[in-house]
Amino acid sequence: MDTTTYVSLRSQIRTGWLLGVGGAGIISWLIKWWTHGPYSHVGLLVKLSEGGTERVFLLHSTGKTGVVLLPASRYLSDLKGTAWLVPLDAPYAALKNPNYEADLLGYALAQLGRGYNLSGAAKFVLPFLPERRDKLFCSELALAAVRAAKLLLAHPDTLWSPEVLIRQRPPFLEPIELA
């Protein structure tokens, strides 16, 4: 995808923003159809600094990789589909938890290397499948990070699709489509 809009907004991105994705493949299409929305995937954006240089990374979970961290620009440049930046309402977040960025980052980075929860993702259509607490699907990972930062109350057994998570006001603001 063209990353021009992303590059122009990159300096505004903060840890805790989401990246909503509407993929172009058949699985993405099925997810969007089932959830009645444009999103088939979601990841957590984290901003890391080293030696005065800031980089934006995407922490997400996929069926191929499990939970990984990679440069957001690389993910977007390879993406076939549509993406949206989903800003976190920073004043709301700071009021709820002054340490929200550190709490989000701490939780998120501790999940690196966890496997993908295929049975959890499939529970949307096959609710009888067993729970897997040792693995995470995409919106499960993002929701857990937001919950760890005390920005959103949600029962841990509740299934949230990317669509449901992205539409939470607060703590998130209106998505910005990347064209």
Foldseek 3Di string as FASTA:
>chain_A
DDCPVVVVCVVVDAWLKKKFWQADDPQSVVCCVLVVHRGSFMWTWHWDDDPRDIFIWTFFADQVQFTDIDGPVVVVVPTHGWMWIKHFQVVLLCVQAVCLNVQLVVLRVVRPPFHADPQLVCCSPVVVGDDDPRGYHGVLSSVVSCVSSVNDDDDNVDDDGPVRVSPDPPRIDDIGIRD
